[in-house]
N, C-alpha and C. Protein backbone atom coordinates (compact mmCIF):
# COMPACT_ATOMS: atom_id res chain seq x y z
N UNK A 1 5.23 17.52 31.86
CA UNK A 1 4.42 16.70 31.01
C UNK A 1 5.24 15.18 31.15
N UNK A 2 4.38 14.28 31.07
CA UNK A 2 4.85 12.53 30.88
C UNK A 2 4.11 12.11 29.69
N UNK A 3 4.97 11.33 28.99
CA UNK A 3 4.62 10.68 27.75
C UNK A 3 4.52 9.15 28.05
N UNK A 4 3.44 8.49 27.78
CA UNK A 4 3.36 6.97 27.93
C UNK A 4 3.05 6.38 26.65
N UNK A 5 3.13 5.13 26.15
CA UNK A 5 2.33 4.59 25.02
C UNK A 5 1.24 3.76 25.59
N UNK A 6 0.11 3.96 24.83
CA UNK A 6 -1.02 3.03 25.24
C UNK A 6 -1.46 2.29 23.89
N UNK A 7 -2.33 1.38 24.35
CA UNK A 7 -3.04 0.59 23.21
C UNK A 7 -4.50 0.59 23.42
N UNK A 8 -5.14 1.11 22.45
CA UNK A 8 -6.67 1.02 22.52
C UNK A 8 -7.28 0.35 21.51
N UNK A 9 -7.19 -1.03 21.40
CA UNK A 9 -7.39 -1.82 20.27
C UNK A 9 -9.06 -2.35 20.41
N UNK A 10 -9.81 -2.02 21.15
CA UNK A 10 -11.23 -2.34 21.13
C UNK A 10 -12.10 -1.24 21.62
N UNK A 11 -13.46 -1.21 21.11
CA UNK A 11 -14.42 -0.26 21.06
C UNK A 11 -14.51 0.11 22.92
N UNK A 12 -14.46 -1.16 23.57
CA UNK A 12 -15.00 -1.09 24.96
C UNK A 12 -13.76 -0.37 25.69
N UNK A 13 -12.58 -0.68 25.16
CA UNK A 13 -11.17 -0.06 25.78
C UNK A 13 -11.17 1.27 25.50
N UNK A 14 -11.79 1.69 24.52
CA UNK A 14 -11.60 3.22 24.18
C UNK A 14 -12.72 4.04 25.19
N UNK A 15 -13.81 3.36 25.00
CA UNK A 15 -14.95 4.04 26.06
C UNK A 15 -14.50 4.06 27.47
N UNK A 16 -13.98 2.88 27.99
CA UNK A 16 -13.55 2.98 29.62
C UNK A 16 -12.14 3.96 29.76
N UNK A 17 -11.52 3.85 28.57
CA UNK A 17 -10.29 4.73 28.75
C UNK A 17 -10.67 6.33 28.89
N UNK A 18 -11.60 6.67 28.08
CA UNK A 18 -12.10 8.21 28.13
C UNK A 18 -12.76 8.35 29.31
N UNK A 19 -13.71 7.36 29.85
CA UNK A 19 -14.34 7.49 31.15
C UNK A 19 -13.35 7.85 32.13
N UNK A 20 -12.19 6.81 32.18
CA UNK A 20 -11.19 7.08 33.20
C UNK A 20 -10.55 8.57 33.33
N UNK A 21 -10.28 9.18 32.00
CA UNK A 21 -9.64 10.37 31.89
C UNK A 21 -10.40 11.46 32.34
N UNK A 22 -11.70 11.43 32.27
CA UNK A 22 -12.64 12.61 32.41
C UNK A 22 -12.77 12.50 34.06
N UNK A 23 -12.22 11.67 34.70
CA UNK A 23 -12.25 11.87 36.20
C UNK A 23 -10.93 12.90 36.77
N UNK A 24 -10.08 13.33 35.94
CA UNK A 24 -8.88 14.17 36.12
C UNK A 24 -9.10 15.41 35.34
N UNK A 25 -8.74 16.52 35.90
CA UNK A 25 -8.97 18.09 35.45
C UNK A 25 -7.59 18.54 34.86
N UNK A 26 -7.19 17.48 34.10
CA UNK A 26 -5.90 17.86 33.34
C UNK A 26 -6.09 17.68 31.87
N UNK A 27 -5.19 18.11 30.99
CA UNK A 27 -5.40 17.79 29.61
C UNK A 27 -4.45 16.72 29.21
N UNK A 28 -5.25 15.79 28.38
CA UNK A 28 -4.36 14.66 27.96
C UNK A 28 -4.34 14.76 26.36
N UNK A 29 -3.42 14.68 25.41
CA UNK A 29 -3.39 14.65 24.33
C UNK A 29 -2.90 13.10 23.63
N UNK A 30 -3.34 12.51 22.66
CA UNK A 30 -2.95 11.41 22.01
C UNK A 30 -2.24 12.05 20.68
N UNK A 31 -1.12 11.34 20.57
CA UNK A 31 -0.11 11.73 19.41
C UNK A 31 -0.07 10.54 18.55
N UNK A 32 -0.32 10.52 17.23
CA UNK A 32 -0.18 9.57 16.42
C UNK A 32 0.32 9.97 14.95
N UNK A 33 1.60 9.81 14.73
CA UNK A 33 2.04 10.58 13.64
C UNK A 33 2.10 11.81 13.69
N UNK A 34 1.59 12.73 12.79
CA UNK A 34 1.49 14.16 12.90
C UNK A 34 0.28 14.58 13.42
N UNK A 35 -0.70 13.77 13.86
CA UNK A 35 -2.09 14.30 14.45
C UNK A 35 -1.94 14.13 15.98
N UNK A 36 -2.39 15.38 16.51
CA UNK A 36 -2.78 15.52 17.84
C UNK A 36 -4.03 15.62 18.25
N UNK A 37 -4.83 14.74 18.99
CA UNK A 37 -5.93 14.98 19.49
C UNK A 37 -6.07 15.02 21.03
N UNK A 38 -7.45 15.62 21.46
CA UNK A 38 -7.66 15.50 22.58
C UNK A 38 -7.97 14.05 23.05
N UNK A 39 -7.38 13.55 24.05
CA UNK A 39 -7.67 12.18 24.59
C UNK A 39 -9.10 11.86 25.04
N UNK A 40 -9.76 13.10 25.55
CA UNK A 40 -11.01 12.81 26.16
C UNK A 40 -12.21 12.67 24.98
N UNK A 41 -11.81 12.82 23.95
CA UNK A 41 -12.61 12.99 22.85
C UNK A 41 -12.82 11.55 22.18
N UNK A 42 -13.98 10.90 22.31
CA UNK A 42 -14.07 9.44 21.78
C UNK A 42 -14.11 9.64 20.20
N UNK A 43 -14.84 10.56 19.59
CA UNK A 43 -14.90 10.80 18.12
C UNK A 43 -13.34 11.11 17.66
N UNK A 44 -12.60 11.76 18.32
CA UNK A 44 -11.27 12.01 18.05
C UNK A 44 -10.36 10.80 18.11
N UNK A 45 -10.59 9.98 18.97
CA UNK A 45 -9.82 8.68 19.11
C UNK A 45 -9.97 7.77 17.96
N UNK A 46 -11.30 7.75 17.63
CA UNK A 46 -11.82 6.91 16.51
C UNK A 46 -11.28 7.32 15.28
N UNK A 47 -10.55 8.62 14.95
CA UNK A 47 -10.22 9.14 13.91
C UNK A 47 -8.70 8.53 13.85
N UNK A 48 -8.21 8.05 14.54
CA UNK A 48 -6.81 7.63 14.54
C UNK A 48 -6.73 5.98 14.38
N UNK A 49 -5.48 5.66 13.87
CA UNK A 49 -5.15 4.37 13.56
C UNK A 49 -4.95 3.64 15.00
N UNK A 50 -5.90 2.76 15.34
CA UNK A 50 -5.77 2.13 16.80
C UNK A 50 -5.49 0.67 16.62
N UNK A 51 -4.59 0.41 15.56
CA UNK A 51 -4.09 -0.85 15.40
C UNK A 51 -2.69 -1.05 16.04
N UNK A 52 -2.03 0.10 16.33
CA UNK A 52 -0.62 0.02 16.97
C UNK A 52 -0.67 1.34 18.06
N UNK A 53 0.17 0.95 18.83
CA UNK A 53 0.26 1.90 20.16
C UNK A 53 0.37 3.40 19.77
N UNK A 54 -0.35 4.11 20.50
CA UNK A 54 -0.37 5.58 20.69
C UNK A 54 0.43 6.37 21.72
N UNK A 55 1.10 7.34 21.47
CA UNK A 55 1.65 8.22 22.58
C UNK A 55 0.59 9.01 23.27
N UNK A 56 0.41 9.11 24.42
CA UNK A 56 -0.46 9.73 25.33
C UNK A 56 0.35 10.65 26.10
N UNK A 57 0.24 12.09 25.83
CA UNK A 57 0.88 13.16 26.81
C UNK A 57 0.08 13.55 27.98
N UNK A 58 0.43 13.31 28.97
CA UNK A 58 -0.30 13.95 30.26
C UNK A 58 0.37 15.09 30.90
N UNK A 59 -0.42 16.11 30.64
CA UNK A 59 -0.24 17.47 31.17
C UNK A 59 -0.50 17.69 32.58
N UNK A 60 0.37 17.01 33.39
CA UNK A 60 -0.03 17.22 34.81
C UNK A 60 1.35 17.26 35.45
N UNK A 61 1.38 18.31 36.49
CA UNK A 61 2.52 18.27 37.42
C UNK A 61 2.49 17.57 38.67
N UNK A 62 1.26 17.43 39.18
CA UNK A 62 1.24 16.46 40.23
C UNK A 62 0.31 15.40 39.96
N UNK A 63 0.10 14.33 40.80
CA UNK A 63 -0.96 13.39 40.56
C UNK A 63 -0.40 12.39 39.52
N UNK A 64 0.93 12.47 39.06
CA UNK A 64 1.04 11.92 37.83
C UNK A 64 1.14 10.22 38.13
N UNK A 65 1.46 9.95 39.34
CA UNK A 65 1.52 8.57 39.68
C UNK A 65 0.24 7.74 39.88
N UNK A 66 -0.67 8.73 40.41
CA UNK A 66 -2.15 8.29 40.60
C UNK A 66 -2.85 7.92 39.03
N UNK A 67 -2.51 8.98 38.21
CA UNK A 67 -2.98 8.74 36.78
C UNK A 67 -2.44 7.66 36.32
N UNK A 68 -1.11 7.35 36.33
CA UNK A 68 -0.32 6.06 35.73
C UNK A 68 -1.05 5.06 36.32
N UNK A 69 -1.42 4.92 37.49
CA UNK A 69 -2.01 3.82 38.15
C UNK A 69 -3.42 3.61 37.42
N UNK A 70 -4.03 4.80 37.36
CA UNK A 70 -5.43 4.53 36.63
C UNK A 70 -5.52 4.09 35.20
N UNK A 71 -4.22 4.30 34.53
CA UNK A 71 -4.15 4.11 33.01
C UNK A 71 -3.41 2.67 32.62
N UNK A 72 -2.99 2.23 33.90
CA UNK A 72 -2.30 0.78 33.89
C UNK A 72 -2.82 -0.23 32.76
N UNK A 73 -4.21 -0.27 32.68
CA UNK A 73 -4.41 -1.27 31.64
C UNK A 73 -4.33 -0.93 30.29
N UNK A 74 -4.13 0.30 30.13
CA UNK A 74 -4.02 0.69 28.56
C UNK A 74 -2.29 0.84 28.18
N UNK A 75 -1.65 1.02 29.22
CA UNK A 75 -0.09 1.18 29.09
C UNK A 75 0.45 0.19 28.42
N UNK A 76 1.32 0.38 27.18
CA UNK A 76 2.03 -0.86 26.90
C UNK A 76 3.57 -0.93 27.34
N UNK A 77 3.64 -1.99 27.99
CA UNK A 77 4.86 -2.29 28.54
C UNK A 77 5.98 -2.40 27.42
N UNK A 78 7.15 -1.70 27.78
CA UNK A 78 8.25 -1.93 26.57
C UNK A 78 9.26 -2.78 27.21
């Protein structure tokens, strides 16, 4: 499992983020405080506080680099 911080600060960003994740047959979880939701759920994402970065858990053993490349527009550089 790989964890990265992402920012989803607009409705368009949330829609394109979910669209990008649905291309992969892996599980993705968003973690915000004590809440863990399915990252492929638009309704779930909108239940989170999107004003600050959120942790994304990527449950994939292979293709992690390809997934990270796809998610580059959302990843917060530290």
